[in-house]
Amino acid sequence: MQLLTIGKNQAGQRLDKFLKKALPNAGTGFLYKMLRKKNITLNGKKAEGKEILAQGDEVKCFFSEETYASLSGAGAAEDTSDYRKAYRSLKDISVLYEDENILLLNKPAGVLTQKAKPEDLSLNEWLIGHLLAANAIKETDLATFHPSVCNRLDRNTSGIVLCGKTLAGSQALSRIIKDRSVKKYYQTVCKGKILQESTLEGYLYKDERTNTVQVFPDMAEAPEDASFIKTIYTPSAVAGEYTLLTVELVTGKTHQIRAHLASTGHPLLGDTKYGDCKLNRRMQSEYSLHHQLLHAGRVCFPEEAEGPLAKVSGQTFDAPLPHKFAEILQALNLTPDSAC
């Protein structure tokens, strides 16, 4: 008999999901059969698999040692070399905030949030490497839970990424992202003069083959599977033919800010997918700018008196502008004190 005691990083999930992680070599049908036959029990009782686990619960598996070793992959520890390599090699990532449940990381432009290809190193691997290096987690913990990023930024967008350090933290962050109670604000520089705050609404369709999106003003013109998008922007400074904007991302869809502003005739500086080619060439020549100027600079957490987000309840966190971004603002005379 094998006893598995539920810890904080296993609590809060369904029993069947936990079993699939603890016994990765077992088929789903086999696990349900073992539950029905009471070869797997929860707190000494028969279970269906849909029960939500609590810290301290006891899961017992009545298998031979050989069977359990085969189903759990015992002796085949996860290869952590990618995590440690990412932690060593990815530069300029900083921790803005960390507690026992969550982290806020400041991602530089040029770093993937998550892998696009198996050989990639991303912020997600850096996160686990950071926690391993700090002894905040052990390699054995990765058998049933992987800390992970909870929101994504484009490779060449910099700024704040929300990360779950525990299962409870990941679930709580995912919830406030889904219900939009966490407010996310970006800074960007776009082409043209924008003198008033505005709310943009539309429908965004993503072409998976090209990883590009198209924005439609209303659903009548959009494909059936287009998604509703809402973007609020406020001008912070105007100088010449450029505007520094603060953008609230109400819905968070792929390339939303970039495509939405471009659809109104105000593309982002440096945006090679949706921007102004002639303007981008000039920005490359004069300022060595090779990516869009877009920075996820602020997050505001909702009020939550209890739970894994209690320590950040009602708090606002800011990430400083990257050096290149600040340098271009100064060169273009786009300071918040500029006349609008």
C-alpha atoms as a PDB file:
ATOM      1  CA  MET A   1       0.000   0.000   0.000  1.00  0.00           C
ATOM      2  CA  GLN A   2       1.214   3.506  -0.870  1.00  0.00           C
ATOM      3  CA  LEU A   3       0.086   6.596   1.073  1.00  0.00           C
ATOM      4  CA  LEU A   4      -0.002   9.986  -0.674  1.00  0.00           C
ATOM      5  CA  THR A   5      -0.672  12.922   1.660  1.00  0.00           C
ATOM      6  CA  ILE A   6      -2.034  16.011  -0.067  1.00  0.00           C
ATOM      7  CA  GLY A   7       0.111  19.109   0.385  1.00  0.00           C
ATOM      8  CA  LYS A   8      -0.619  22.758  -0.372  1.00  0.00           C
ATOM      9  CA  ASN A   9       0.354  22.393  -4.045  1.00  0.00           C
ATOM     10  CA  GLN A  10      -2.001  19.469  -4.558  1.00  0.00           C
ATOM     11  CA  ALA A  11      -4.992  20.840  -2.642  1.00  0.00           C
ATOM     12  CA  GLY A  12      -7.826  22.527  -4.524  1.00  0.00           C
ATOM     13  CA  GLN A  13      -7.893  20.178  -7.509  1.00  0.00           C
ATOM     14  CA  ARG A  14     -10.024  17.159  -8.366  1.00  0.00           C
ATOM     15  CA  LEU A  15      -8.834  13.761  -7.217  1.00  0.00           C
ATOM     16  CA  ASP A  16      -8.772  12.355 -10.758  1.00  0.00           C
ATOM     17  CA  LYS A  17      -6.557  15.215 -11.977  1.00  0.00           C
ATOM     18  CA  PHE A  18      -4.166  14.626  -9.081  1.00  0.00           C
ATOM     19  CA  LEU A  19      -4.023  10.902  -9.853  1.00  0.00           C
ATOM     20  CA  LYS A  20      -3.154  11.553 -13.493  1.00  0.00           C
ATOM     21  CA  LYS A  21      -0.148  13.588 -12.325  1.00  0.00           C
ATOM     22  CA  ALA A  22       0.897  11.194  -9.565  1.00  0.00           C
ATOM     23  CA  LEU A  23       0.479   8.139 -11.820  1.00  0.00           C
ATOM     24  CA  PRO A  24       1.311   9.488 -15.294  1.00  0.00           C
ATOM     25  CA  ASN A  25       1.754   6.029 -16.824  1.00  0.00           C
ATOM     26  CA  ALA A  26      -1.766   4.925 -15.854  1.00  0.00           C
ATOM     27  CA  GLY A  27      -4.625   5.325 -18.306  1.00  0.00           C
ATOM     28  CA  THR A  28      -7.727   7.276 -17.363  1.00  0.00           C
ATOM     29  CA  GLY A  29      -9.950   4.227 -17.640  1.00  0.00           C
ATOM     30  CA  PHE A  30      -7.628   2.240 -15.407  1.00  0.00           C
ATOM     31  CA  LEU A  31      -7.682   4.924 -12.711  1.00  0.00           C
ATOM     32  CA  TYR A  32     -11.483   5.042 -12.625  1.00  0.00           C
ATOM     33  CA  LYS A  33     -11.593   1.246 -12.456  1.00  0.00           C
ATOM     34  CA  MET A  34      -9.198   1.316  -9.476  1.00  0.00           C
ATOM     35  CA  LEU A  35     -11.417   3.895  -7.775  1.00  0.00           C
ATOM     36  CA  ARG A  36     -14.532   1.767  -8.325  1.00  0.00           C
ATOM     37  CA  LYS A  37     -12.792  -1.315  -6.934  1.00  0.00           C
ATOM     38  CA  LYS A  38     -11.417   0.662  -3.940  1.00  0.00           C
ATOM     39  CA  ASN A  39      -7.831  -0.059  -4.993  1.00  0.00           C
ATOM     40  CA  ILE A  40      -7.489   3.727  -4.672  1.00  0.00           C
ATOM     41  CA  THR A  41      -9.267   5.385  -1.733  1.00  0.00           C
ATOM     42  CA  LEU A  42      -9.610   8.906  -0.369  1.00  0.00           C
ATOM     43  CA  ASN A  43      -9.424   9.262   3.421  1.00  0.00           C
ATOM     44  CA  GLY A  44     -10.154   5.563   3.775  1.00  0.00           C
ATOM     45  CA  LYS A  45     -13.361   5.693   1.707  1.00  0.00           C
ATOM     46  CA  LYS A  46     -14.440   4.884  -1.825  1.00  0.00           C
ATOM     47  CA  ALA A  47     -14.141   7.876  -4.150  1.00  0.00           C
ATOM     48  CA  GLU A  48     -15.451   8.790  -7.601  1.00  0.00           C
ATOM     49  CA  GLY A  49     -12.592  11.034  -8.731  1.00  0.00           C
ATOM     50  CA  LYS A  50     -14.471  14.328  -8.830  1.00  0.00           C
ATOM     51  CA  GLU A  51     -13.844  15.136  -5.155  1.00  0.00           C
ATOM     52  CA  ILE A  52     -11.899  18.357  -4.477  1.00  0.00           C
ATOM     53  CA  LEU A  53      -8.782  17.636  -2.460  1.00  0.00           C
ATOM     54  CA  ALA A  54      -7.886  19.485   0.732  1.00  0.00           C
ATOM     55  CA  GLN A  55      -4.486  19.802   2.356  1.00  0.00           C
ATOM     56  CA  GLY A  56      -3.924  16.813   4.627  1.00  0.00           C
ATOM     57  CA  ASP A  57      -6.204  14.438   2.709  1.00  0.00           C
ATOM     58  CA  GLU A  58      -4.861  10.912   2.358  1.00  0.00           C
ATOM     59  CA  VAL A  59      -4.920   9.010  -0.911  1.00  0.00           C
ATOM     60  CA  LYS A  60      -4.106   5.312  -0.564  1.00  0.00           C
ATOM     61  CA  CYS A  61      -3.100   3.098  -3.497  1.00  0.00           C
ATOM     62  CA  PHE A  62      -3.297  -0.641  -2.933  1.00  0.00           C
ATOM     63  CA  PHE A  63      -0.748  -1.728  -5.542  1.00  0.00           C
ATOM     64  CA  SER A  64       2.331  -3.905  -5.457  1.00  0.00           C
ATOM     65  CA  GLU A  65       5.581  -1.965  -5.237  1.00  0.00           C
ATOM     66  CA  GLU A  66       6.441  -3.003  -8.800  1.00  0.00           C
ATOM     67  CA  THR A  67       3.060  -1.850 -10.174  1.00  0.00           C
ATOM     68  CA  TYR A  68       3.210   1.485  -8.341  1.00  0.00           C
ATOM     69  CA  ALA A  69       6.771   2.120  -9.516  1.00  0.00           C
ATOM     70  CA  SER A  70       5.723   1.442 -13.107  1.00  0.00           C
ATOM     71  CA  LEU A  71       2.610   3.654 -12.977  1.00  0.00           C
ATOM     72  CA  SER A  72       4.292   6.543 -11.180  1.00  0.00           C
ATOM     73  CA  GLY A  73       7.522   6.427 -13.167  1.00  0.00           C
ATOM     74  CA  ALA A  74       9.466   6.140  -9.930  1.00  0.00           C
ATOM     75  CA  GLY A  75      13.176   6.420 -10.510  1.00  0.00           C
ATOM     76  CA  ALA A  76      12.674   8.554 -13.627  1.00  0.00           C
ATOM     77  CA  ALA A  77      13.051  12.003 -12.106  1.00  0.00           C
ATOM     78  CA  GLU A  78      12.112  14.971 -14.276  1.00  0.00           C
ATOM     79  CA  ASP A  79      14.985  16.507 -16.204  1.00  0.00           C
ATOM     80  CA  THR A  80      15.407  20.004 -14.768  1.00  0.00           C
ATOM     81  CA  SER A  81      18.293  21.047 -17.008  1.00  0.00           C
ATOM     82  CA  ASP A  82      16.108  23.397 -19.117  1.00  0.00           C
ATOM     83  CA  TYR A  83      14.916  25.206 -15.993  1.00  0.00           C
ATOM     84  CA  ARG A  84      18.424  25.691 -14.682  1.00  0.00           C
ATOM     85  CA  LYS A  85      19.745  26.676 -18.113  1.00  0.00           C
ATOM     86  CA  ALA A  86      16.986  29.283 -18.549  1.00  0.00           C
ATOM     87  CA  TYR A  87      17.729  30.716 -15.115  1.00  0.00           C
ATOM     88  CA  ARG A  88      21.411  31.067 -16.008  1.00  0.00           C
ATOM     89  CA  SER A  89      21.079  32.302 -19.578  1.00  0.00           C
ATOM     90  CA  LEU A  90      17.976  34.540 -19.773  1.00  0.00           C
ATOM     91  CA  LYS A  91      19.029  38.023 -18.696  1.00  0.00           C
ATOM     92  CA  ASP A  92      17.361  41.138 -17.283  1.00  0.00           C
ATOM     93  CA  ILE A  93      14.385  39.331 -15.756  1.00  0.00           C
ATOM     94  CA  SER A  94      13.537  40.765 -12.347  1.00  0.00           C
ATOM     95  CA  VAL A  95      11.158  39.791  -9.547  1.00  0.00           C
ATOM     96  CA  LEU A  96       8.844  42.690  -8.735  1.00  0.00           C
ATOM     97  CA  TYR A  97       6.961  40.875  -5.979  1.00  0.00           C
ATOM     98  CA  GLU A  98       6.980  37.426  -4.376  1.00  0.00           C
ATOM     99  CA  ASP A  99       5.106  35.727  -1.549  1.00  0.00           C
ATOM    100  CA  GLU A 100       4.294  32.109  -0.765  1.00  0.00           C
ATOM    101  CA  ASN A 101       1.645  31.892  -3.521  1.00  0.00           C
ATOM    102  CA  ILE A 102       2.510  34.206  -6.408  1.00  0.00           C
ATOM    103  CA  LEU A 103       5.288  36.104  -8.154  1.00  0.00           C
ATOM    104  CA  LEU A 104       5.242  39.138 -10.424  1.00  0.00           C
ATOM    105  CA  LEU A 105       8.054  39.058 -12.965  1.00  0.00           C
ATOM    106  CA  ASN A 106       9.276  41.913 -15.172  1.00  0.00           C
ATOM    107  CA  LYS A 107       9.936  40.374 -18.599  1.00  0.00           C
ATOM    108  CA  PRO A 108      12.276  42.117 -21.043  1.00  0.00           C
ATOM    109  CA  ALA A 109      11.463  42.358 -24.750  1.00  0.00           C
ATOM    110  CA  GLY A 110      12.873  39.432 -26.706  1.00  0.00           C
ATOM    111  CA  VAL A 111      12.036  36.730 -24.154  1.00  0.00           C
ATOM    112  CA  LEU A 112       9.204  34.262 -24.766  1.00  0.00           C
ATOM    113  CA  THR A 113       6.608  33.939 -22.028  1.00  0.00           C
ATOM    114  CA  GLN A 114       6.115  30.254 -22.861  1.00  0.00           C
ATOM    115  CA  LYS A 115       7.831  27.876 -25.241  1.00  0.00           C
ATOM    116  CA  ALA A 116       6.873  28.029 -28.918  1.00  0.00           C
ATOM    117  CA  LYS A 117       9.091  25.049 -29.799  1.00  0.00           C
ATOM    118  CA  PRO A 118      10.440  22.222 -27.615  1.00  0.00           C
ATOM    119  CA  GLU A 119      13.971  23.600 -27.756  1.00  0.00           C
ATOM    120  CA  ASP A 120      12.943  27.119 -26.632  1.00  0.00           C
ATOM    121  CA  LEU A 121      13.818  28.593 -23.263  1.00  0.00           C
ATOM    122  CA  SER A 122      11.149  30.909 -21.898  1.00  0.00           C
ATOM    123  CA  LEU A 123      10.095  32.902 -18.858  1.00  0.00           C
ATOM    124  CA  ASN A 124       8.190  29.825 -17.694  1.00  0.00           C
ATOM    125  CA  GLU A 125      11.412  27.785 -17.486  1.00  0.00           C
ATOM    126  CA  TRP A 126      13.210  30.736 -15.847  1.00  0.00           C
ATOM    127  CA  LEU A 127      10.494  30.868 -13.175  1.00  0.00           C
ATOM    128  CA  ILE A 128      10.963  27.218 -12.182  1.00  0.00           C
ATOM    129  CA  GLY A 129      14.752  27.610 -12.355  1.00  0.00           C
ATOM    130  CA  HIS A 130      14.525  30.621 -10.040  1.00  0.00           C
ATOM    131  CA  LEU A 131      12.423  28.692  -7.514  1.00  0.00           C
ATOM    132  CA  LEU A 132      14.762  25.680  -7.632  1.00  0.00           C
ATOM    133  CA  ALA A 133      17.812  27.917  -7.151  1.00  0.00           C
ATOM    134  CA  ALA A 134      16.156  29.646  -4.179  1.00  0.00           C
ATOM    135  CA  ASN A 135      15.157  26.259  -2.671  1.00  0.00           C
ATOM    136  CA  ALA A 136      11.548  27.441  -2.751  1.00  0.00           C
ATOM    137  CA  ILE A 137      10.628  24.142  -4.415  1.00  0.00           C
ATOM    138  CA  LYS A 138      12.312  20.754  -4.718  1.00  0.00           C
ATOM    139  CA  GLU A 139      12.716  18.647  -7.833  1.00  0.00           C
ATOM    140  CA  THR A 140      10.345  16.064  -6.348  1.00  0.00           C
ATOM    141  CA  ASP A 141       7.607  18.727  -6.094  1.00  0.00           C
ATOM    142  CA  LEU A 142       7.502  18.899  -9.892  1.00  0.00           C
ATOM    143  CA  ALA A 143       5.991  15.410 -10.056  1.00  0.00           C
ATOM    144  CA  THR A 144       2.528  16.772  -9.218  1.00  0.00           C
ATOM    145  CA  PHE A 145       2.719  20.559  -9.721  1.00  0.00           C
ATOM    146  CA  HIS A 146       4.623  22.985 -11.954  1.00  0.00           C
ATOM    147  CA  PRO A 147       4.704  26.683 -11.042  1.00  0.00           C
ATOM    148  CA  SER A 148       3.766  28.603 -14.168  1.00  0.00           C
ATOM    149  CA  VAL A 149       3.011  31.933 -15.798  1.00  0.00           C
ATOM    150  CA  CYS A 150      -0.699  32.804 -15.763  1.00  0.00           C
ATOM    151  CA  ASN A 151      -0.835  35.432 -18.497  1.00  0.00           C
ATOM    152  CA  ARG A 152       1.165  35.848 -21.680  1.00  0.00           C
ATOM    153  CA  LEU A 153       2.965  38.742 -23.307  1.00  0.00           C
ATOM    154  CA  ASP A 154       4.215  38.724 -26.889  1.00  0.00           C
ATOM    155  CA  ARG A 155       7.911  37.937 -27.211  1.00  0.00           C
ATOM    156  CA  ASN A 156       8.765  41.578 -27.947  1.00  0.00           C
ATOM    157  CA  THR A 157       6.404  43.121 -25.409  1.00  0.00           C
ATOM    158  CA  SER A 158       8.021  43.874 -22.056  1.00  0.00           C
ATOM    159  CA  GLY A 159       6.556  44.153 -18.601  1.00  0.00           C
ATOM    160  CA  ILE A 160       4.640  42.420 -15.837  1.00  0.00           C
ATOM    161  CA  VAL A 161       3.770  38.724 -16.010  1.00  0.00           C
ATOM    162  CA  LEU A 162       1.659  37.140 -13.262  1.00  0.00           C
ATOM    163  CA  CYS A 163       2.971  33.763 -12.059  1.00  0.00           C
ATOM    164  CA  GLY A 164       1.556  31.083  -9.775  1.00  0.00           C
ATOM    165  CA  LYS A 165       4.025  29.703  -7.251  1.00  0.00           C
ATOM    166  CA  THR A 166       1.486  27.291  -5.747  1.00  0.00           C
ATOM    167  CA  LEU A 167      -1.617  25.633  -7.154  1.00  0.00           C
ATOM    168  CA  ALA A 168      -3.809  27.924  -5.044  1.00  0.00           C
ATOM    169  CA  GLY A 169      -1.925  30.953  -6.343  1.00  0.00           C
ATOM    170  CA  SER A 170      -2.243  29.810  -9.964  1.00  0.00           C
ATOM    171  CA  GLN A 171      -5.958  29.173  -9.598  1.00  0.00           C
ATOM    172  CA  ALA A 172      -6.562  32.555  -7.968  1.00  0.00           C
ATOM    173  CA  LEU A 173      -4.605  34.453 -10.639  1.00  0.00           C
ATOM    174  CA  SER A 174      -6.385  32.576 -13.427  1.00  0.00           C
ATOM    175  CA  ARG A 175      -9.727  33.466 -11.839  1.00  0.00           C
ATOM    176  CA  ILE A 176      -9.094  37.230 -11.631  1.00  0.00           C
ATOM    177  CA  ILE A 177      -7.720  37.242 -15.185  1.00  0.00           C
ATOM    178  CA  LYS A 178     -10.809  35.417 -16.456  1.00  0.00           C
ATOM    179  CA  ASP A 179     -13.294  37.612 -14.592  1.00  0.00           C
ATOM    180  CA  ARG A 180     -11.270  40.757 -15.489  1.00  0.00           C
ATOM    181  CA  SER A 181     -11.136  41.998 -11.921  1.00  0.00           C
ATOM    182  CA  VAL A 182      -7.375  42.500 -12.211  1.00  0.00           C
ATOM    183  CA  LYS A 183      -6.640  45.678 -14.172  1.00  0.00           C
ATOM    184  CA  LYS A 184      -3.726  45.657 -16.632  1.00  0.00           C
ATOM    185  CA  TYR A 185      -2.242  48.848 -18.084  1.00  0.00           C
ATOM    186  CA  TYR A 186       0.289  49.234 -20.886  1.00  0.00           C
ATOM    187  CA  GLN A 187       2.388  52.079 -22.212  1.00  0.00           C
ATOM    188  CA  THR A 188       3.038  52.505 -25.903  1.00  0.00           C
ATOM    189  CA  VAL A 189       3.973  55.096 -28.502  1.00  0.00           C
ATOM    190  CA  CYS A 190       1.860  55.244 -31.623  1.00  0.00           C
ATOM    191  CA  LYS A 191       1.859  57.149 -34.882  1.00  0.00           C
ATOM    192  CA  GLY A 192      -0.329  60.252 -35.067  1.00  0.00           C
ATOM    193  CA  LYS A 193      -1.869  62.678 -32.621  1.00  0.00           C
ATOM    194  CA  ILE A 194      -4.424  61.367 -30.151  1.00  0.00           C
ATOM    195  CA  LEU A 195      -5.847  64.122 -27.969  1.00  0.00           C
ATOM    196  CA  GLN A 196      -8.712  62.433 -26.111  1.00  0.00           C
ATOM    197  CA  GLU A 197      -9.358  59.299 -24.103  1.00  0.00           C
ATOM    198  CA  SER A 198     -11.338  56.731 -26.056  1.00  0.00           C
ATOM    199  CA  THR A 199     -12.837  53.255 -25.749  1.00  0.00           C
ATOM    200  CA  LEU A 200     -12.436  50.947 -28.718  1.00  0.00           C
ATOM    201  CA  GLU A 201     -14.643  47.919 -29.262  1.00  0.00           C
ATOM    202  CA  GLY A 202     -14.558  45.406 -32.056  1.00  0.00           C
ATOM    203  CA  TYR A 203     -14.076  41.775 -33.019  1.00  0.00           C
ATOM    204  CA  LEU A 204     -10.731  40.082 -33.444  1.00  0.00           C
ATOM    205  CA  TYR A 205     -10.074  37.085 -35.663  1.00  0.00           C
ATOM    206  CA  LYS A 206      -6.808  35.149 -35.413  1.00  0.00           C
ATOM    207  CA  ASP A 207      -5.258  33.318 -38.356  1.00  0.00           C
ATOM    208  CA  GLU A 208      -3.429  30.432 -36.688  1.00  0.00           C
ATOM    209  CA  ARG A 209      -1.373  29.685 -39.810  1.00  0.00           C
ATOM    210  CA  THR A 210       0.268  33.102 -39.910  1.00  0.00           C
ATOM    211  CA  ASN A 211      -0.091  34.056 -36.227  1.00  0.00           C
ATOM    212  CA  THR A 212      -1.665  37.345 -37.229  1.00  0.00           C
ATOM    213  CA  VAL A 213      -5.007  38.878 -36.319  1.00  0.00           C
ATOM    214  CA  GLN A 214      -7.562  41.068 -38.019  1.00  0.00           C
ATOM    215  CA  VAL A 215      -9.927  43.500 -36.312  1.00  0.00           C
ATOM    216  CA  PHE A 216     -13.507  44.063 -37.488  1.00  0.00           C
ATOM    217  CA  PRO A 217     -15.705  46.944 -36.285  1.00  0.00           C
ATOM    218  CA  ASP A 218     -18.804  44.770 -35.815  1.00  0.00           C
ATOM    219  CA  MET A 219     -19.734  41.100 -35.742  1.00  0.00           C
ATOM    220  CA  ALA A 220     -21.686  41.326 -39.008  1.00  0.00           C
ATOM    221  CA  GLU A 221     -18.406  41.683 -40.900  1.00  0.00           C
ATOM    222  CA  ALA A 222     -16.325  39.300 -38.788  1.00  0.00           C
ATOM    223  CA  PRO A 223     -15.918  35.511 -39.054  1.00  0.00           C
ATOM    224  CA  GLU A 224     -18.162  33.484 -36.737  1.00  0.00           C
ATOM    225  CA  ASP A 225     -15.329  32.547 -34.394  1.00  0.00           C
ATOM    226  CA  ALA A 226     -14.054  36.105 -33.946  1.00  0.00           C
ATOM    227  CA  SER A 227     -13.757  37.304 -30.330  1.00  0.00           C
ATOM    228  CA  PHE A 228     -15.113  40.513 -28.827  1.00  0.00           C
ATOM    229  CA  ILE A 229     -12.372  42.930 -27.772  1.00  0.00           C
ATOM    230  CA  LYS A 230     -12.367  46.132 -25.738  1.00  0.00           C
ATOM    231  CA  THR A 231      -9.433  48.538 -25.405  1.00  0.00           C
ATOM    232  CA  ILE A 232      -9.362  51.829 -23.481  1.00  0.00           C
ATOM    233  CA  TYR A 233      -6.607  54.353 -24.126  1.00  0.00           C
ATOM    234  CA  THR A 234      -5.620  57.710 -22.641  1.00  0.00           C
ATOM    235  CA  PRO A 235      -3.012  60.071 -24.142  1.00  0.00           C
ATOM    236  CA  SER A 236      -0.216  60.913 -21.706  1.00  0.00           C
ATOM    237  CA  ALA A 237       1.839  63.112 -24.033  1.00  0.00           C
ATOM    238  CA  VAL A 238       1.804  64.325 -27.633  1.00  0.00           C
ATOM    239  CA  ALA A 239       4.802  65.667 -29.526  1.00  0.00           C
ATOM    240  CA  GLY A 240       4.992  66.162 -33.269  1.00  0.00           C
ATOM    241  CA  GLU A 241       3.255  63.229 -34.939  1.00  0.00           C
ATOM    242  CA  TYR A 242       3.581  60.820 -32.031  1.00  0.00           C
ATOM    243  CA  THR A 243       1.486  60.043 -28.958  1.00  0.00           C
ATOM    244  CA  LEU A 244       2.433  58.327 -25.725  1.00  0.00           C
ATOM    245  CA  LEU A 245      -0.573  56.301 -24.619  1.00  0.00           C
ATOM    246  CA  THR A 246      -1.635  54.517 -21.467  1.00  0.00           C
ATOM    247  CA  VAL A 247      -3.780  51.577 -22.550  1.00  0.00           C
ATOM    248  CA  GLU A 248      -6.108  49.520 -20.377  1.00  0.00           C
ATOM    249  CA  LEU A 249      -6.445  46.020 -21.772  1.00  0.00           C
ATOM    250  CA  VAL A 250     -10.018  45.108 -20.843  1.00  0.00           C
ATOM    251  CA  THR A 251     -10.072  41.888 -22.851  1.00  0.00           C
ATOM    252  CA  GLY A 252      -6.792  40.110 -23.387  1.00  0.00           C
ATOM    253  CA  LYS A 253      -6.586  38.641 -26.882  1.00  0.00           C
ATOM    254  CA  THR A 254      -3.583  37.909 -29.098  1.00  0.00           C
ATOM    255  CA  HIS A 255      -1.977  41.130 -30.430  1.00  0.00           C
ATOM    256  CA  GLN A 256      -5.063  43.057 -29.292  1.00  0.00           C
ATOM    257  CA  ILE A 257      -3.480  46.433 -28.536  1.00  0.00           C
ATOM    258  CA  ARG A 258      -1.239  46.326 -31.597  1.00  0.00           C
ATOM    259  CA  ALA A 259      -3.973  45.390 -34.060  1.00  0.00           C
ATOM    260  CA  HIS A 260      -6.716  47.498 -32.488  1.00  0.00           C
ATOM    261  CA  LEU A 261      -4.720  50.721 -32.607  1.00  0.00           C
ATOM    262  CA  ALA A 262      -3.414  49.944 -36.100  1.00  0.00           C
ATOM    263  CA  SER A 263      -7.010  49.498 -37.285  1.00  0.00           C
ATOM    264  CA  THR A 264      -7.727  53.110 -36.264  1.00  0.00           C
ATOM    265  CA  GLY A 265      -4.713  54.464 -38.152  1.00  0.00           C
ATOM    266  CA  HIS A 266      -2.442  54.686 -35.103  1.00  0.00           C
ATOM    267  CA  PRO A 267       0.023  51.782 -35.341  1.00  0.00           C
ATOM    268  CA  LEU A 268       2.652  51.248 -32.665  1.00  0.00           C
ATOM    269  CA  LEU A 269       6.197  52.380 -33.315  1.00  0.00           C
ATOM    270  CA  GLY A 270       8.384  49.428 -34.231  1.00  0.00           C
ATOM    271  CA  ASP A 271       5.515  47.009 -34.876  1.00  0.00           C
ATOM    272  CA  THR A 272       6.636  44.922 -37.855  1.00  0.00           C
ATOM    273  CA  LYS A 273       3.338  42.998 -38.152  1.00  0.00           C
ATOM    274  CA  TYR A 274       0.764  45.769 -38.008  1.00  0.00           C
ATOM    275  CA  GLY A 275       2.823  48.937 -38.202  1.00  0.00           C
ATOM    276  CA  ASP A 276       3.990  51.531 -40.715  1.00  0.00           C
ATOM    277  CA  CYS A 277       6.944  50.057 -42.647  1.00  0.00           C
ATOM    278  CA  LYS A 278       8.456  53.419 -43.596  1.00  0.00           C
ATOM    279  CA  LEU A 279       8.203  54.735 -40.045  1.00  0.00           C
ATOM    280  CA  ASN A 280       9.643  51.499 -38.641  1.00  0.00           C
ATOM    281  CA  ARG A 281      12.661  51.731 -40.944  1.00  0.00           C
ATOM    282  CA  ARG A 282      13.326  55.247 -39.686  1.00  0.00           C
ATOM    283  CA  MET A 283      13.017  54.108 -36.061  1.00  0.00           C
ATOM    284  CA  GLN A 284      15.458  51.271 -36.756  1.00  0.00           C
ATOM    285  CA  SER A 285      17.929  53.651 -38.397  1.00  0.00           C
ATOM    286  CA  GLU A 286      17.738  56.437 -35.817  1.00  0.00           C
ATOM    287  CA  TYR A 287      17.135  54.523 -32.584  1.00  0.00           C
ATOM    288  CA  SER A 288      18.009  50.868 -33.362  1.00  0.00           C
ATOM    289  CA  LEU A 289      14.402  49.957 -32.550  1.00  0.00           C
ATOM    290  CA  HIS A 290      13.630  46.468 -33.847  1.00  0.00           C
ATOM    291  CA  HIS A 291      10.427  45.662 -31.952  1.00  0.00           C
ATOM    292  CA  GLN A 292       7.143  47.308 -30.976  1.00  0.00           C
ATOM    293  CA  LEU A 293       7.232  49.848 -28.161  1.00  0.00           C
ATOM    294  CA  LEU A 294       4.762  48.177 -25.824  1.00  0.00           C
ATOM    295  CA  HIS A 295       5.266  47.746 -22.089  1.00  0.00           C
ATOM    296  CA  ALA A 296       2.914  46.093 -19.574  1.00  0.00           C
ATOM    297  CA  GLY A 297       3.743  48.589 -16.883  1.00  0.00           C
ATOM    298  CA  ARG A 298       1.043  48.317 -14.220  1.00  0.00           C
ATOM    299  CA  VAL A 299      -1.330  45.807 -12.614  1.00  0.00           C
ATOM    300  CA  CYS A 300      -3.979  46.621 -10.031  1.00  0.00           C
ATOM    301  CA  PHE A 301      -5.311  43.778  -7.903  1.00  0.00           C
ATOM    302  CA  PRO A 302      -8.926  43.592  -6.700  1.00  0.00           C
ATOM    303  CA  GLU A 303      -9.827  43.693  -3.015  1.00  0.00           C
ATOM    304  CA  GLU A 304      -9.706  40.188  -1.540  1.00  0.00           C
ATOM    305  CA  ALA A 305      -9.610  39.919   2.248  1.00  0.00           C
ATOM    306  CA  GLU A 306      -8.951  36.177   2.305  1.00  0.00           C
ATOM    307  CA  GLY A 307      -7.272  33.546   0.190  1.00  0.00           C
ATOM    308  CA  PRO A 308      -3.990  33.320  -1.709  1.00  0.00           C
ATOM    309  CA  LEU A 309      -4.246  36.911  -3.004  1.00  0.00           C
ATOM    310  CA  ALA A 310      -4.942  38.535   0.369  1.00  0.00           C
ATOM    311  CA  LYS A 311      -1.412  39.936   0.619  1.00  0.00           C
ATOM    312  CA  VAL A 312      -1.812  41.850  -2.663  1.00  0.00           C
ATOM    313  CA  SER A 313      -5.423  42.881  -2.045  1.00  0.00           C
ATOM    314  CA  GLY A 314      -6.068  46.309  -3.561  1.00  0.00           C
ATOM    315  CA  GLN A 315      -2.400  46.831  -4.346  1.00  0.00           C
ATOM    316  CA  THR A 316      -0.885  48.319  -7.507  1.00  0.00           C
ATOM    317  CA  PHE A 317       2.464  47.186  -8.920  1.00  0.00           C
ATOM    318  CA  ASP A 318       4.550  49.014 -11.518  1.00  0.00           C
ATOM    319  CA  ALA A 319       7.401  47.870 -13.745  1.00  0.00           C
ATOM    320  CA  PRO A 320       9.910  50.538 -14.829  1.00  0.00           C
ATOM    321  CA  LEU A 321      10.191  51.320 -18.522  1.00  0.00           C
ATOM    322  CA  PRO A 322      12.986  49.505 -20.371  1.00  0.00           C
ATOM    323  CA  HIS A 323      16.024  51.665 -21.139  1.00  0.00           C
ATOM    324  CA  LYS A 324      15.370  51.681 -24.905  1.00  0.00           C
ATOM    325  CA  PHE A 325      11.748  52.774 -24.395  1.00  0.00           C
ATOM    326  CA  ALA A 326      12.745  55.614 -22.041  1.00  0.00           C
ATOM    327  CA  GLU A 327      15.524  56.687 -24.401  1.00  0.00           C
ATOM    328  CA  ILE A 328      13.106  57.018 -27.330  1.00  0.00           C
ATOM    329  CA  LEU A 329      10.571  58.935 -25.230  1.00  0.00           C
ATOM    330  CA  GLN A 330      13.249  61.457 -24.353  1.00  0.00           C
ATOM    331  CA  ALA A 331      14.424  61.741 -27.958  1.00  0.00           C
ATOM    332  CA  LEU A 332      10.857  62.336 -29.204  1.00  0.00           C
ATOM    333  CA  ASN A 333      10.109  64.754 -26.340  1.00  0.00           C
ATOM    334  CA  LEU A 334       7.292  62.484 -25.180  1.00  0.00           C
ATOM    335  CA  THR A 335       7.269  63.110 -21.453  1.00  0.00           C
ATOM    336  CA  PRO A 336       4.027  63.062 -19.454  1.00  0.00           C
ATOM    337  CA  ASP A 337       4.402  66.811 -18.974  1.00  0.00           C
ATOM    338  CA  SER A 338       4.273  67.413 -22.750  1.00  0.00           C
ATOM    339  CA  ALA A 339       1.337  69.489 -23.891  1.00  0.00           C
ATOM    340  CA  CYS A 340      -1.526  67.385 -25.292  1.00  0.00           C
END
